[in-house]
Amino acid sequence: MKSRVKKSALVLFSMMPVITWAHPGHGHENPLSPGHYVANPEHFIPLALTVAVSLVLIGLYRVYVMKHIK
């Protein structure tokens, strides 16, 4: 289990420079506004995927882990 977590962390950290690159259009609108994150697919797609994966993991946790606790 620990090796799986370490491998996942390694993949995530190796992708961080790519994720943090600025895309064209920075400076034309307020980069801190919520509209910037919703209007630009470079921000919206990873945000939507993160929310979707989080909801799936929470659902799986509630179904499998909480079921065995009771």
C-alpha atoms as a PDB file:
ATOM      1  CA  MET A   1       0.000   0.000   0.000  1.00  0.00           C
ATOM      2  CA  LYS A   2       2.813   2.400   0.860  1.00  0.00           C
ATOM      3  CA  SER A   3       4.509   1.799  -2.484  1.00  0.00           C
ATOM      4  CA  ARG A   4       1.263   2.606  -4.294  1.00  0.00           C
ATOM      5  CA  VAL A   5       0.971   5.884  -2.389  1.00  0.00           C
ATOM      6  CA  LYS A   6       4.608   6.723  -3.105  1.00  0.00           C
ATOM      7  CA  LYS A   7       4.165   6.006  -6.820  1.00  0.00           C
ATOM      8  CA  SER A   8       1.018   8.131  -6.953  1.00  0.00           C
ATOM      9  CA  ALA A   9       2.794  10.987  -5.181  1.00  0.00           C
ATOM     10  CA  LEU A  10       5.732  10.703  -7.566  1.00  0.00           C
ATOM     11  CA  VAL A  11       3.436  10.951 -10.600  1.00  0.00           C
ATOM     12  CA  LEU A  12       1.572  13.909  -9.106  1.00  0.00           C
ATOM     13  CA  PHE A  13       4.735  15.792  -8.179  1.00  0.00           C
ATOM     14  CA  SER A  14       6.319  15.122 -11.563  1.00  0.00           C
ATOM     15  CA  MET A  15       3.260  16.676 -13.239  1.00  0.00           C
ATOM     16  CA  MET A  16       3.270  19.821 -11.087  1.00  0.00           C
ATOM     17  CA  PRO A  17       5.505  21.918 -13.394  1.00  0.00           C
ATOM     18  CA  VAL A  18       3.199  21.199 -16.337  1.00  0.00           C
ATOM     19  CA  ILE A  19       0.078  21.959 -14.307  1.00  0.00           C
ATOM     20  CA  THR A  20       1.424  25.322 -13.139  1.00  0.00           C
ATOM     21  CA  TRP A  21       2.404  26.700 -16.561  1.00  0.00           C
ATOM     22  CA  ALA A  22       0.665  29.944 -17.410  1.00  0.00           C
ATOM     23  CA  HIS A  23      -1.580  29.776 -20.441  1.00  0.00           C
ATOM     24  CA  PRO A  24      -2.110  32.529 -23.008  1.00  0.00           C
ATOM     25  CA  GLY A  25      -4.550  35.130 -21.798  1.00  0.00           C
ATOM     26  CA  HIS A  26      -3.113  35.775 -18.374  1.00  0.00           C
ATOM     27  CA  GLY A  27      -3.187  39.465 -17.691  1.00  0.00           C
ATOM     28  CA  HIS A  28      -6.302  40.198 -19.799  1.00  0.00           C
ATOM     29  CA  GLU A  29      -8.692  39.427 -16.968  1.00  0.00           C
ATOM     30  CA  ASN A  30      -8.436  39.191 -13.218  1.00  0.00           C
ATOM     31  CA  PRO A  31      -6.587  35.890 -12.681  1.00  0.00           C
ATOM     32  CA  LEU A  32      -8.023  35.560  -9.176  1.00  0.00           C
ATOM     33  CA  SER A  33     -11.669  35.854 -10.211  1.00  0.00           C
ATOM     34  CA  PRO A  34     -13.869  32.740 -10.250  1.00  0.00           C
ATOM     35  CA  GLY A  35     -14.782  33.537 -13.857  1.00  0.00           C
ATOM     36  CA  HIS A  36     -11.165  33.054 -14.905  1.00  0.00           C
ATOM     37  CA  TYR A  37     -11.200  29.485 -13.599  1.00  0.00           C
ATOM     38  CA  VAL A  38     -14.586  28.656 -15.107  1.00  0.00           C
ATOM     39  CA  ALA A  39     -14.023  30.306 -18.499  1.00  0.00           C
ATOM     40  CA  ASN A  40     -10.599  28.807 -19.207  1.00  0.00           C
ATOM     41  CA  PRO A  41     -10.551  25.070 -19.923  1.00  0.00           C
ATOM     42  CA  GLU A  42      -6.963  24.904 -18.649  1.00  0.00           C
ATOM     43  CA  HIS A  43      -8.401  25.487 -15.183  1.00  0.00           C
ATOM     44  CA  PHE A  44     -11.920  24.145 -15.479  1.00  0.00           C
ATOM     45  CA  ILE A  45     -11.119  20.637 -16.745  1.00  0.00           C
ATOM     46  CA  PRO A  46      -8.654  19.740 -13.948  1.00  0.00           C
ATOM     47  CA  LEU A  47     -11.007  21.326 -11.409  1.00  0.00           C
ATOM     48  CA  ALA A  48     -13.992  19.329 -12.696  1.00  0.00           C
ATOM     49  CA  LEU A  49     -11.967  16.111 -12.777  1.00  0.00           C
ATOM     50  CA  THR A  50     -10.724  16.688  -9.237  1.00  0.00           C
ATOM     51  CA  VAL A  51     -14.259  17.239  -7.968  1.00  0.00           C
ATOM     52  CA  ALA A  52     -15.555  14.166  -9.842  1.00  0.00           C
ATOM     53  CA  VAL A  53     -12.784  11.873  -8.564  1.00  0.00           C
ATOM     54  CA  SER A  54     -13.241  13.207  -5.034  1.00  0.00           C
ATOM     55  CA  LEU A  55     -16.972  12.506  -5.125  1.00  0.00           C
ATOM     56  CA  VAL A  56     -16.385   8.987  -6.428  1.00  0.00           C
ATOM     57  CA  LEU A  57     -13.798   8.261  -3.741  1.00  0.00           C
ATOM     58  CA  ILE A  58     -16.058   9.627  -1.006  1.00  0.00           C
ATOM     59  CA  GLY A  59     -18.916   7.514  -2.322  1.00  0.00           C
ATOM     60  CA  LEU A  60     -16.776   4.382  -2.432  1.00  0.00           C
ATOM     61  CA  TYR A  61     -15.534   5.074   1.079  1.00  0.00           C
ATOM     62  CA  ARG A  62     -19.064   5.441   2.370  1.00  0.00           C
ATOM     63  CA  VAL A  63     -20.245   2.276   0.627  1.00  0.00           C
ATOM     64  CA  TYR A  64     -17.345  -0.056   1.428  1.00  0.00           C
ATOM     65  CA  VAL A  65     -15.687   1.246   4.591  1.00  0.00           C
ATOM     66  CA  MET A  66     -18.707   2.538   6.473  1.00  0.00           C
ATOM     67  CA  LYS A  67     -20.633  -0.646   5.595  1.00  0.00           C
ATOM     68  CA  HIS A  68     -18.027  -2.797   7.353  1.00  0.00           C
ATOM     69  CA  ILE A  69     -17.817  -0.555  10.416  1.00  0.00           C
ATOM     70  CA  LYS A  70     -21.472  -1.020  11.347  1.00  0.00           C
END
